[in-house]
Amino acid sequence: MPLMYAELAELLDCKTVAWVKGVSPADVVTRWGGNPAAFSPMTFGEMIDSWWNIYEEEDAFVAVAAVGGWTLVVDSRWIGVDEKIVERLSVGTRVVSHSLLEVKGLHEWRWAEDGHLRIGFYAQEGFMADDLHVDPQEFPELVAPMARIDAEFPDWFEIDEGPVFALTESLTGITLTPRMLTELAFQGYYLSDPTT
């Protein structure tokens, strides 16, 4: 497995990442129910430090950054893989998101287009679409990335680390690196009850 993926998985463990195509960070925040004017500039490191200040269980920390025609969203509470939120964010566009929780082996991945969840990977179920188990290679967009995953990660049985990043790269066209992640200019904010 490329070292880059292992480093990314470590940086993003216990975090959710969502990519929203062609929607500005401010508009993503508005779709999420937040006020862009209330967000504060910060680095990835400052964002992680801020998460330790969350006192109320219903609060979540959300940060956004612009990356090559996409908005990258990082959150502290798995809300970026919540199906209702992913579908709402994807209206008129594409959303690809994932969440990693290595300590429990709970890894999630979602791909939504124009308000509809096309396919997801669920920690207890595997790949699902419309409540049915599916082979991701049934989706033309995923044939090449799945072949790559089978070649590069022949023993994979979970989506964590390499496969989750390879799938996301294939649908976004963006290769996230640890350096890029730590150098991005984020805007961060605490959201109360962001799943409503």
N, C-alpha and C. Protein backbone atom coordinates (compact mmCIF):
# COMPACT_ATOMS: atom_id res chain seq x y z
N MET A 1 0.84 -1.19 0.00
CA MET A 1 0.00 0.00 0.00
C MET A 1 0.88 1.24 0.00
N PRO A 2 0.56 2.23 -0.84
CA PRO A 2 1.36 3.45 -0.82
C PRO A 2 1.36 4.09 0.56
N LEU A 3 2.53 4.55 0.96
CA LEU A 3 2.67 5.20 2.26
C LEU A 3 1.73 6.39 2.38
N MET A 4 1.50 7.10 1.26
CA MET A 4 0.63 8.26 1.28
C MET A 4 -0.75 7.92 1.84
N TYR A 5 -1.30 6.76 1.43
CA TYR A 5 -2.63 6.38 1.90
C TYR A 5 -2.61 6.07 3.39
N ALA A 6 -1.57 5.41 3.85
CA ALA A 6 -1.47 5.11 5.28
C ALA A 6 -1.39 6.40 6.10
N GLU A 7 -0.65 7.38 5.60
CA GLU A 7 -0.54 8.67 6.30
C GLU A 7 -1.88 9.40 6.30
N LEU A 8 -2.57 9.39 5.15
CA LEU A 8 -3.88 10.03 5.09
C LEU A 8 -4.85 9.36 6.05
N ALA A 9 -4.85 8.04 6.07
CA ALA A 9 -5.76 7.31 6.95
C ALA A 9 -5.50 7.66 8.41
N GLU A 10 -4.24 7.85 8.76
CA GLU A 10 -3.92 8.23 10.14
C GLU A 10 -4.40 9.64 10.43
N LEU A 11 -4.17 10.57 9.50
CA LEU A 11 -4.60 11.96 9.69
C LEU A 11 -6.12 12.07 9.79
N LEU A 12 -6.83 11.22 9.04
CA LEU A 12 -8.28 11.34 8.94
C LEU A 12 -9.04 10.30 9.76
N ASP A 13 -8.33 9.55 10.58
CA ASP A 13 -9.00 8.58 11.45
C ASP A 13 -9.95 9.31 12.39
N CYS A 14 -11.14 8.78 12.57
CA CYS A 14 -12.18 9.37 13.42
C CYS A 14 -12.73 10.67 12.84
N LYS A 15 -12.57 10.85 11.54
CA LYS A 15 -13.06 12.06 10.89
C LYS A 15 -13.83 11.67 9.64
N THR A 16 -14.68 12.57 9.19
CA THR A 16 -15.42 12.36 7.96
C THR A 16 -14.99 13.39 6.94
N VAL A 17 -14.80 12.93 5.71
CA VAL A 17 -14.40 13.80 4.61
C VAL A 17 -15.49 13.73 3.55
N ALA A 18 -15.93 14.88 3.08
CA ALA A 18 -16.91 14.93 1.98
C ALA A 18 -16.40 15.90 0.93
N TRP A 19 -16.51 15.48 -0.33
CA TRP A 19 -16.15 16.32 -1.46
C TRP A 19 -17.44 16.74 -2.16
N VAL A 20 -17.64 18.04 -2.38
CA VAL A 20 -18.83 18.56 -3.04
C VAL A 20 -18.38 19.30 -4.29
N LYS A 21 -18.84 18.85 -5.45
CA LYS A 21 -18.37 19.37 -6.73
C LYS A 21 -19.07 20.67 -7.12
N GLY A 22 -18.25 21.67 -7.50
CA GLY A 22 -18.77 22.89 -8.10
C GLY A 22 -19.61 23.76 -7.19
N VAL A 23 -19.53 23.56 -5.89
CA VAL A 23 -20.27 24.36 -4.92
C VAL A 23 -19.24 25.02 -4.01
N SER A 24 -19.31 26.32 -3.86
CA SER A 24 -18.31 27.03 -3.06
C SER A 24 -18.40 26.63 -1.60
N PRO A 25 -17.30 26.82 -0.85
CA PRO A 25 -17.37 26.52 0.59
C PRO A 25 -18.51 27.25 1.30
N ALA A 26 -18.73 28.52 0.95
CA ALA A 26 -19.81 29.28 1.60
C ALA A 26 -21.17 28.66 1.30
N ASP A 27 -21.37 28.24 0.04
CA ASP A 27 -22.65 27.63 -0.31
C ASP A 27 -22.82 26.25 0.33
N VAL A 28 -21.72 25.51 0.47
CA VAL A 28 -21.81 24.23 1.17
C VAL A 28 -22.23 24.46 2.62
N VAL A 29 -21.64 25.45 3.26
CA VAL A 29 -21.99 25.78 4.65
C VAL A 29 -23.48 26.12 4.75
N THR A 30 -23.98 26.90 3.79
CA THR A 30 -25.40 27.27 3.80
C THR A 30 -26.27 26.04 3.62
N ARG A 31 -25.89 25.14 2.70
CA ARG A 31 -26.66 23.91 2.51
C ARG A 31 -26.68 23.07 3.78
N TRP A 32 -25.61 23.19 4.55
CA TRP A 32 -25.47 22.42 5.78
C TRP A 32 -26.25 23.06 6.93
N GLY A 33 -26.78 24.25 6.69
CA GLY A 33 -27.55 24.94 7.72
C GLY A 33 -26.73 25.89 8.56
N GLY A 34 -25.50 26.20 8.12
CA GLY A 34 -24.64 27.11 8.88
C GLY A 34 -24.60 28.49 8.27
N ASN A 35 -23.93 29.39 8.96
CA ASN A 35 -23.77 30.77 8.51
C ASN A 35 -22.30 30.97 8.14
N PRO A 36 -21.98 31.16 6.85
CA PRO A 36 -20.57 31.29 6.44
C PRO A 36 -19.84 32.42 7.15
N ALA A 37 -20.55 33.49 7.53
CA ALA A 37 -19.91 34.62 8.19
C ALA A 37 -19.39 34.25 9.58
N ALA A 38 -19.93 33.18 10.16
CA ALA A 38 -19.51 32.78 11.51
C ALA A 38 -18.29 31.87 11.49
N PHE A 39 -17.88 31.40 10.31
CA PHE A 39 -16.74 30.50 10.23
C PHE A 39 -15.43 31.25 10.39
N SER A 40 -14.43 30.59 10.99
CA SER A 40 -13.13 31.22 11.25
C SER A 40 -12.04 30.52 10.44
N PRO A 41 -11.08 31.29 9.89
CA PRO A 41 -9.98 30.67 9.16
C PRO A 41 -9.09 29.86 10.08
N MET A 42 -8.60 28.72 9.57
CA MET A 42 -7.72 27.88 10.39
C MET A 42 -7.00 26.87 9.51
N THR A 43 -5.93 26.33 10.05
CA THR A 43 -5.20 25.25 9.40
C THR A 43 -5.83 23.91 9.80
N PHE A 44 -5.39 22.85 9.16
CA PHE A 44 -5.87 21.52 9.54
C PHE A 44 -5.51 21.23 11.00
N GLY A 45 -4.29 21.57 11.41
CA GLY A 45 -3.88 21.34 12.79
C GLY A 45 -4.73 22.11 13.78
N GLU A 46 -5.04 23.37 13.46
CA GLU A 46 -5.89 24.17 14.35
C GLU A 46 -7.31 23.60 14.40
N MET A 47 -7.77 23.07 13.27
CA MET A 47 -9.08 22.45 13.24
C MET A 47 -9.14 21.26 14.19
N ILE A 48 -8.13 20.39 14.14
CA ILE A 48 -8.09 19.22 15.02
C ILE A 48 -8.06 19.66 16.48
N ASP A 49 -7.24 20.68 16.78
CA ASP A 49 -7.18 21.18 18.16
C ASP A 49 -8.55 21.69 18.62
N SER A 50 -9.30 22.31 17.70
CA SER A 50 -10.61 22.86 18.06
C SER A 50 -11.60 21.78 18.45
N TRP A 51 -11.44 20.59 17.89
CA TRP A 51 -12.38 19.52 18.19
C TRP A 51 -12.38 19.13 19.66
N TRP A 52 -11.26 19.35 20.33
CA TRP A 52 -11.20 19.01 21.74
C TRP A 52 -12.04 19.94 22.60
N ASN A 53 -12.51 21.05 22.00
CA ASN A 53 -13.30 22.02 22.75
C ASN A 53 -14.81 21.77 22.65
N ILE A 54 -15.21 20.68 22.01
CA ILE A 54 -16.63 20.39 21.88
C ILE A 54 -17.13 19.79 23.19
N TYR A 55 -18.08 20.49 23.80
CA TYR A 55 -18.56 20.04 25.09
C TYR A 55 -19.93 19.38 25.01
N GLU A 56 -20.77 19.82 24.09
CA GLU A 56 -22.12 19.28 24.02
C GLU A 56 -22.18 18.21 22.96
N GLU A 57 -22.82 17.11 23.29
CA GLU A 57 -22.84 15.94 22.41
C GLU A 57 -23.44 16.23 21.05
N GLU A 58 -24.42 17.17 20.99
CA GLU A 58 -25.07 17.42 19.71
C GLU A 58 -24.25 18.33 18.81
N ASP A 59 -23.21 18.95 19.33
CA ASP A 59 -22.38 19.83 18.53
C ASP A 59 -21.43 19.02 17.66
N ALA A 60 -21.16 19.56 16.49
CA ALA A 60 -20.16 18.97 15.59
C ALA A 60 -19.28 20.10 15.09
N PHE A 61 -18.03 19.79 14.84
CA PHE A 61 -17.14 20.77 14.27
C PHE A 61 -17.01 20.47 12.78
N VAL A 62 -17.24 21.46 11.95
CA VAL A 62 -17.19 21.32 10.50
C VAL A 62 -16.22 22.33 9.94
N ALA A 63 -15.39 21.89 9.00
CA ALA A 63 -14.45 22.80 8.34
C ALA A 63 -14.52 22.58 6.83
N VAL A 64 -14.36 23.66 6.07
CA VAL A 64 -14.46 23.60 4.61
C VAL A 64 -13.26 24.29 3.98
N ALA A 65 -12.88 23.79 2.79
CA ALA A 65 -11.78 24.40 2.03
C ALA A 65 -12.03 24.15 0.55
N ALA A 66 -11.64 25.10 -0.28
CA ALA A 66 -11.77 24.96 -1.73
C ALA A 66 -10.57 24.21 -2.28
N VAL A 67 -10.85 23.22 -3.15
CA VAL A 67 -9.78 22.43 -3.77
C VAL A 67 -10.19 22.14 -5.22
N GLY A 68 -9.57 22.81 -6.18
CA GLY A 68 -9.74 22.49 -7.59
C GLY A 68 -11.16 22.30 -8.08
N GLY A 69 -12.04 23.25 -7.82
CA GLY A 69 -13.42 23.15 -8.28
C GLY A 69 -14.33 22.34 -7.37
N TRP A 70 -13.80 21.87 -6.28
CA TRP A 70 -14.57 21.12 -5.29
C TRP A 70 -14.46 21.82 -3.94
N THR A 71 -15.39 21.54 -3.04
CA THR A 71 -15.24 21.94 -1.64
C THR A 71 -15.00 20.68 -0.82
N LEU A 72 -13.93 20.71 -0.07
CA LEU A 72 -13.61 19.63 0.85
C LEU A 72 -14.20 19.98 2.22
N VAL A 73 -14.98 19.06 2.75
CA VAL A 73 -15.60 19.25 4.07
C VAL A 73 -15.06 18.19 5.00
N VAL A 74 -14.61 18.60 6.17
CA VAL A 74 -14.15 17.66 7.19
C VAL A 74 -14.99 17.90 8.43
N ASP A 75 -15.54 16.83 9.00
CA ASP A 75 -16.34 17.01 10.20
C ASP A 75 -15.95 15.99 11.28
N SER A 76 -16.39 16.27 12.47
CA SER A 76 -15.98 15.49 13.64
C SER A 76 -16.98 14.45 14.07
N ARG A 77 -18.11 14.31 13.34
CA ARG A 77 -19.16 13.46 13.90
C ARG A 77 -19.85 12.57 12.87
N TRP A 78 -19.20 12.18 11.82
CA TRP A 78 -19.75 11.26 10.83
C TRP A 78 -20.96 11.81 10.09
N ILE A 79 -21.20 13.12 10.19
CA ILE A 79 -22.39 13.66 9.53
C ILE A 79 -22.21 13.69 8.01
N GLY A 80 -20.98 13.71 7.52
CA GLY A 80 -20.73 13.73 6.08
C GLY A 80 -21.06 12.43 5.38
N VAL A 81 -21.33 11.36 6.12
CA VAL A 81 -21.80 10.11 5.50
C VAL A 81 -23.24 9.81 5.87
N ASP A 82 -23.89 10.73 6.57
CA ASP A 82 -25.31 10.58 6.86
C ASP A 82 -26.06 10.67 5.52
N GLU A 83 -26.87 9.68 5.21
CA GLU A 83 -27.49 9.61 3.88
C GLU A 83 -28.33 10.84 3.56
N LYS A 84 -29.12 11.32 4.51
CA LYS A 84 -29.96 12.49 4.24
C LYS A 84 -29.10 13.72 3.94
N ILE A 85 -28.02 13.88 4.69
CA ILE A 85 -27.15 15.03 4.47
C ILE A 85 -26.43 14.92 3.13
N VAL A 86 -25.91 13.73 2.83
CA VAL A 86 -25.22 13.53 1.56
C VAL A 86 -26.16 13.81 0.39
N GLU A 87 -27.37 13.33 0.48
CA GLU A 87 -28.32 13.56 -0.61
C GLU A 87 -28.66 15.04 -0.73
N ARG A 88 -28.84 15.71 0.40
CA ARG A 88 -29.15 17.14 0.36
C ARG A 88 -27.98 17.93 -0.23
N LEU A 89 -26.77 17.60 0.16
CA LEU A 89 -25.60 18.30 -0.37
C LEU A 89 -25.41 18.06 -1.87
N SER A 90 -25.89 16.92 -2.36
CA SER A 90 -25.63 16.54 -3.75
C SER A 90 -26.64 17.09 -4.75
N VAL A 91 -27.66 17.82 -4.30
CA VAL A 91 -28.65 18.35 -5.23
C VAL A 91 -27.96 19.21 -6.28
N GLY A 92 -28.10 18.82 -7.54
CA GLY A 92 -27.48 19.56 -8.64
C GLY A 92 -26.00 19.32 -8.81
N THR A 93 -25.45 18.36 -8.08
CA THR A 93 -24.01 18.14 -8.16
C THR A 93 -23.65 16.72 -7.72
N ARG A 94 -22.39 16.51 -7.44
CA ARG A 94 -21.88 15.21 -6.98
C ARG A 94 -21.25 15.36 -5.61
N VAL A 95 -21.48 14.39 -4.74
CA VAL A 95 -20.83 14.34 -3.43
C VAL A 95 -20.21 12.95 -3.26
N VAL A 96 -18.96 12.93 -2.84
CA VAL A 96 -18.27 11.69 -2.51
C VAL A 96 -17.73 11.86 -1.09
N SER A 97 -18.03 10.93 -0.20
CA SER A 97 -17.61 11.11 1.19
C SER A 97 -17.21 9.78 1.81
N HIS A 98 -16.42 9.88 2.87
CA HIS A 98 -16.05 8.68 3.60
C HIS A 98 -15.72 9.02 5.04
N SER A 99 -15.78 8.00 5.88
CA SER A 99 -15.44 8.14 7.28
C SER A 99 -14.66 6.91 7.70
N LEU A 100 -13.61 7.13 8.49
CA LEU A 100 -12.77 6.03 8.96
C LEU A 100 -12.75 6.01 10.47
N LEU A 101 -12.92 4.84 11.04
CA LEU A 101 -12.81 4.66 12.49
C LEU A 101 -12.05 3.37 12.72
N GLU A 102 -10.72 3.48 12.67
CA GLU A 102 -9.86 2.30 12.66
C GLU A 102 -9.98 1.46 13.92
N VAL A 103 -10.15 2.11 15.06
CA VAL A 103 -10.15 1.35 16.32
C VAL A 103 -11.29 0.34 16.37
N LYS A 104 -12.40 0.62 15.70
CA LYS A 104 -13.53 -0.30 15.67
C LYS A 104 -13.71 -0.96 14.31
N GLY A 105 -12.85 -0.62 13.36
CA GLY A 105 -12.98 -1.17 12.02
C GLY A 105 -14.26 -0.74 11.33
N LEU A 106 -14.75 0.44 11.68
CA LEU A 106 -15.98 0.97 11.08
C LEU A 106 -15.62 1.99 10.02
N HIS A 107 -15.80 1.62 8.77
CA HIS A 107 -15.43 2.48 7.66
C HIS A 107 -16.64 2.63 6.75
N GLU A 108 -16.91 3.85 6.32
CA GLU A 108 -18.07 4.14 5.50
C GLU A 108 -17.63 4.94 4.27
N TRP A 109 -18.38 4.80 3.17
CA TRP A 109 -18.11 5.55 1.95
C TRP A 109 -19.43 5.77 1.23
N ARG A 110 -19.62 6.98 0.64
CA ARG A 110 -20.85 7.29 -0.07
C ARG A 110 -20.54 8.02 -1.38
N TRP A 111 -21.39 7.78 -2.38
CA TRP A 111 -21.35 8.54 -3.62
C TRP A 111 -22.79 8.89 -3.98
N ALA A 112 -23.07 10.20 -4.06
CA ALA A 112 -24.41 10.68 -4.39
C ALA A 112 -24.34 11.64 -5.56
N GLU A 113 -25.40 11.62 -6.37
CA GLU A 113 -25.53 12.53 -7.51
C GLU A 113 -26.93 13.12 -7.50
N ASP A 114 -26.98 14.43 -7.61
CA ASP A 114 -28.24 15.15 -7.80
C ASP A 114 -29.35 14.68 -6.85
N GLY A 115 -29.03 14.62 -5.58
CA GLY A 115 -30.03 14.32 -4.57
C GLY A 115 -30.33 12.84 -4.36
N HIS A 116 -29.56 11.97 -5.01
CA HIS A 116 -29.81 10.52 -4.88
C HIS A 116 -28.51 9.80 -4.53
N LEU A 117 -28.56 8.95 -3.53
CA LEU A 117 -27.41 8.14 -3.16
C LEU A 117 -27.26 7.00 -4.16
N ARG A 118 -26.19 7.01 -4.95
CA ARG A 118 -26.01 5.98 -5.97
C ARG A 118 -25.50 4.67 -5.37
N ILE A 119 -24.47 4.76 -4.53
CA ILE A 119 -23.90 3.56 -3.91
C ILE A 119 -23.17 3.98 -2.64
N GLY A 120 -23.17 3.09 -1.68
CA GLY A 120 -22.43 3.34 -0.45
C GLY A 120 -21.76 2.07 0.02
N PHE A 121 -20.71 2.25 0.78
CA PHE A 121 -20.08 1.12 1.48
C PHE A 121 -20.43 1.29 2.95
N TYR A 122 -20.99 0.23 3.55
CA TYR A 122 -21.44 0.26 4.94
C TYR A 122 -20.61 -0.75 5.73
N ALA A 123 -20.17 -0.33 6.90
CA ALA A 123 -19.24 -1.15 7.68
C ALA A 123 -19.77 -2.56 7.94
N GLN A 124 -21.04 -2.70 8.17
CA GLN A 124 -21.60 -4.01 8.50
C GLN A 124 -22.18 -4.75 7.29
N GLU A 125 -22.33 -4.06 6.17
CA GLU A 125 -23.04 -4.64 5.03
C GLU A 125 -22.21 -4.76 3.76
N GLY A 126 -21.22 -3.93 3.58
CA GLY A 126 -20.49 -3.88 2.33
C GLY A 126 -21.12 -2.87 1.38
N PHE A 127 -20.97 -3.08 0.08
CA PHE A 127 -21.52 -2.14 -0.91
C PHE A 127 -23.02 -2.35 -1.05
N MET A 128 -23.76 -1.22 -0.99
CA MET A 128 -25.22 -1.26 -1.08
C MET A 128 -25.70 -0.12 -1.99
N ALA A 129 -26.80 -0.39 -2.69
CA ALA A 129 -27.50 0.64 -3.45
C ALA A 129 -28.98 0.35 -3.34
N ASP A 130 -29.76 1.34 -2.97
CA ASP A 130 -31.21 1.17 -2.81
C ASP A 130 -31.54 -0.04 -1.92
N ASP A 131 -30.82 -0.15 -0.82
CA ASP A 131 -31.03 -1.20 0.19
C ASP A 131 -30.74 -2.61 -0.31
N LEU A 132 -30.00 -2.72 -1.41
CA LEU A 132 -29.61 -4.02 -1.94
C LEU A 132 -28.10 -4.14 -2.01
N HIS A 133 -27.57 -5.32 -1.74
CA HIS A 133 -26.14 -5.55 -1.93
C HIS A 133 -25.82 -5.47 -3.41
N VAL A 134 -24.73 -4.79 -3.75
CA VAL A 134 -24.35 -4.64 -5.16
C VAL A 134 -22.86 -4.85 -5.32
N ASP A 135 -22.46 -5.18 -6.52
CA ASP A 135 -21.06 -5.22 -6.91
C ASP A 135 -20.75 -3.84 -7.47
N PRO A 136 -19.77 -3.13 -6.91
CA PRO A 136 -19.49 -1.77 -7.40
C PRO A 136 -19.15 -1.73 -8.89
N GLN A 137 -18.70 -2.86 -9.44
CA GLN A 137 -18.37 -2.87 -10.86
C GLN A 137 -19.61 -2.85 -11.76
N GLU A 138 -20.81 -2.89 -11.16
CA GLU A 138 -22.03 -2.67 -11.93
C GLU A 138 -22.16 -1.22 -12.36
N PHE A 139 -21.37 -0.34 -11.74
CA PHE A 139 -21.38 1.08 -12.07
C PHE A 139 -20.20 1.35 -13.01
N PRO A 140 -20.46 1.78 -14.24
CA PRO A 140 -19.37 1.98 -15.21
C PRO A 140 -18.24 2.87 -14.67
N GLU A 141 -18.59 3.88 -13.87
CA GLU A 141 -17.58 4.79 -13.34
C GLU A 141 -16.64 4.11 -12.35
N LEU A 142 -17.05 2.96 -11.82
CA LEU A 142 -16.24 2.29 -10.80
C LEU A 142 -15.49 1.07 -11.31
N VAL A 143 -15.67 0.71 -12.58
CA VAL A 143 -14.99 -0.48 -13.11
C VAL A 143 -13.48 -0.31 -13.04
N ALA A 144 -12.96 0.80 -13.58
CA ALA A 144 -11.51 1.03 -13.58
C ALA A 144 -10.95 1.16 -12.17
N PRO A 145 -11.58 1.95 -11.29
CA PRO A 145 -11.02 2.03 -9.94
C PRO A 145 -11.05 0.71 -9.18
N MET A 146 -12.09 -0.10 -9.39
CA MET A 146 -12.14 -1.40 -8.71
C MET A 146 -11.05 -2.32 -9.24
N ALA A 147 -10.76 -2.24 -10.54
CA ALA A 147 -9.65 -3.04 -11.09
C ALA A 147 -8.33 -2.59 -10.50
N ARG A 148 -8.18 -1.29 -10.32
CA ARG A 148 -6.96 -0.76 -9.70
C ARG A 148 -6.85 -1.25 -8.25
N ILE A 149 -7.96 -1.21 -7.55
CA ILE A 149 -7.96 -1.65 -6.15
C ILE A 149 -7.59 -3.14 -6.06
N ASP A 150 -8.19 -3.94 -6.93
CA ASP A 150 -7.88 -5.38 -6.92
C ASP A 150 -6.41 -5.64 -7.21
N ALA A 151 -5.80 -4.81 -8.07
CA ALA A 151 -4.39 -4.98 -8.42
C ALA A 151 -3.46 -4.49 -7.32
N GLU A 152 -3.79 -3.33 -6.73
CA GLU A 152 -2.89 -2.71 -5.74
C GLU A 152 -3.12 -3.23 -4.33
N PHE A 153 -4.34 -3.70 -4.04
CA PHE A 153 -4.67 -4.14 -2.69
C PHE A 153 -5.34 -5.52 -2.78
N PRO A 154 -4.62 -6.55 -3.22
CA PRO A 154 -5.24 -7.85 -3.50
C PRO A 154 -5.87 -8.52 -2.29
N ASP A 155 -5.44 -8.20 -1.09
CA ASP A 155 -5.96 -8.86 0.10
C ASP A 155 -7.01 -8.03 0.83
N TRP A 156 -7.48 -6.95 0.19
CA TRP A 156 -8.38 -6.05 0.91
C TRP A 156 -9.74 -6.71 1.14
N PHE A 157 -10.27 -6.51 2.31
CA PHE A 157 -11.62 -6.98 2.60
C PHE A 157 -12.41 -5.86 3.27
N GLU A 158 -11.74 -4.76 3.57
CA GLU A 158 -12.38 -3.56 4.08
C GLU A 158 -12.01 -2.42 3.14
N ILE A 159 -12.71 -1.32 3.27
CA ILE A 159 -12.48 -0.20 2.37
C ILE A 159 -11.47 0.79 2.94
N ASP A 160 -11.00 0.55 4.16
CA ASP A 160 -10.12 1.50 4.83
C ASP A 160 -8.81 1.72 4.09
N GLU A 161 -8.21 2.83 4.36
CA GLU A 161 -6.94 3.25 3.79
C GLU A 161 -6.99 3.26 2.27
N GLY A 162 -6.19 2.46 1.58
CA GLY A 162 -6.04 2.57 0.14
C GLY A 162 -7.32 2.58 -0.67
N PRO A 163 -8.19 1.56 -0.55
CA PRO A 163 -9.39 1.52 -1.39
C PRO A 163 -10.29 2.74 -1.26
N VAL A 164 -10.49 3.24 -0.06
CA VAL A 164 -11.40 4.38 0.09
C VAL A 164 -10.85 5.61 -0.64
N PHE A 165 -9.55 5.79 -0.59
CA PHE A 165 -8.96 6.95 -1.27
C PHE A 165 -8.93 6.75 -2.78
N ALA A 166 -8.68 5.53 -3.24
CA ALA A 166 -8.68 5.25 -4.68
C ALA A 166 -10.06 5.46 -5.28
N LEU A 167 -11.11 5.01 -4.60
CA LEU A 167 -12.47 5.22 -5.09
C LEU A 167 -12.81 6.71 -5.14
N THR A 168 -12.45 7.42 -4.10
CA THR A 168 -12.74 8.85 -4.04
C THR A 168 -11.99 9.60 -5.12
N GLU A 169 -10.72 9.27 -5.33
CA GLU A 169 -9.94 9.91 -6.40
C GLU A 169 -10.60 9.71 -7.76
N SER A 170 -11.11 8.50 -7.99
CA SER A 170 -11.68 8.20 -9.31
C SER A 170 -12.91 9.03 -9.60
N LEU A 171 -13.67 9.39 -8.58
CA LEU A 171 -14.91 10.15 -8.78
C LEU A 171 -14.74 11.65 -8.65
N THR A 172 -13.63 12.09 -8.05
CA THR A 172 -13.39 13.52 -7.91
C THR A 172 -12.31 14.04 -8.85
N GLY A 173 -11.42 13.14 -9.27
CA GLY A 173 -10.28 13.58 -10.08
C GLY A 173 -9.21 14.27 -9.26
N ILE A 174 -9.34 14.23 -7.94
CA ILE A 174 -8.38 14.89 -7.05
C ILE A 174 -7.66 13.83 -6.21
N THR A 175 -6.34 13.90 -6.22
CA THR A 175 -5.54 13.03 -5.37
C THR A 175 -5.15 13.82 -4.12
N LEU A 176 -5.80 13.51 -3.03
CA LEU A 176 -5.49 14.18 -1.77
C LEU A 176 -4.20 13.61 -1.22
N THR A 177 -3.30 14.48 -0.78
CA THR A 177 -2.06 14.04 -0.17
C THR A 177 -1.99 14.58 1.26
N PRO A 178 -1.18 13.97 2.11
CA PRO A 178 -1.04 14.50 3.47
C PRO A 178 -0.57 15.96 3.47
N ARG A 179 0.37 16.28 2.59
CA ARG A 179 0.86 17.66 2.54
C ARG A 179 -0.25 18.63 2.14
N MET A 180 -1.01 18.26 1.10
CA MET A 180 -2.12 19.12 0.68
C MET A 180 -3.09 19.35 1.83
N LEU A 181 -3.45 18.27 2.51
CA LEU A 181 -4.40 18.37 3.62
C LEU A 181 -3.92 19.31 4.70
N THR A 182 -2.65 19.20 5.06
CA THR A 182 -2.13 20.03 6.16
C THR A 182 -1.84 21.46 5.74
N GLU A 183 -1.80 21.72 4.41
CA GLU A 183 -1.52 23.08 3.95
C GLU A 183 -2.76 23.83 3.49
N LEU A 184 -3.91 23.17 3.45
CA LEU A 184 -5.13 23.84 3.00
C LEU A 184 -5.58 24.92 3.97
N ALA A 185 -6.21 25.96 3.42
CA ALA A 185 -6.79 27.03 4.23
C ALA A 185 -8.25 26.67 4.49
N PHE A 186 -8.55 26.25 5.70
CA PHE A 186 -9.90 25.85 6.07
C PHE A 186 -10.65 27.01 6.73
N GLN A 187 -11.97 26.90 6.71
CA GLN A 187 -12.85 27.75 7.50
C GLN A 187 -13.62 26.79 8.40
N GLY A 188 -13.61 27.02 9.71
CA GLY A 188 -14.23 26.08 10.62
C GLY A 188 -15.25 26.70 11.54
N TYR A 189 -16.17 25.86 12.03
CA TYR A 189 -17.26 26.35 12.88
C TYR A 189 -17.91 25.18 13.61
N TYR A 190 -18.49 25.46 14.78
CA TYR A 190 -19.28 24.47 15.51
C TYR A 190 -20.73 24.55 15.02
N LEU A 191 -21.28 23.42 14.63
CA LEU A 191 -22.69 23.38 14.22
C LEU A 191 -23.46 22.59 15.27
N SER A 192 -24.58 23.14 15.70
CA SER A 192 -25.45 22.41 16.61
C SER A 192 -26.48 21.65 15.80
N ASP A 193 -26.62 20.37 16.11
CA ASP A 193 -27.60 19.49 15.48
C ASP A 193 -27.60 19.63 13.96
N PRO A 194 -26.47 19.32 13.30
CA PRO A 194 -26.38 19.53 11.85
C PRO A 194 -27.15 18.52 11.03
N THR A 195 -27.72 17.50 11.65
CA THR A 195 -28.41 16.46 10.87
C THR A 195 -29.87 16.79 10.62
N THR A 196 -30.36 17.91 11.14
CA THR A 196 -31.78 18.25 10.93
C THR A 196 -31.98 18.96 9.62
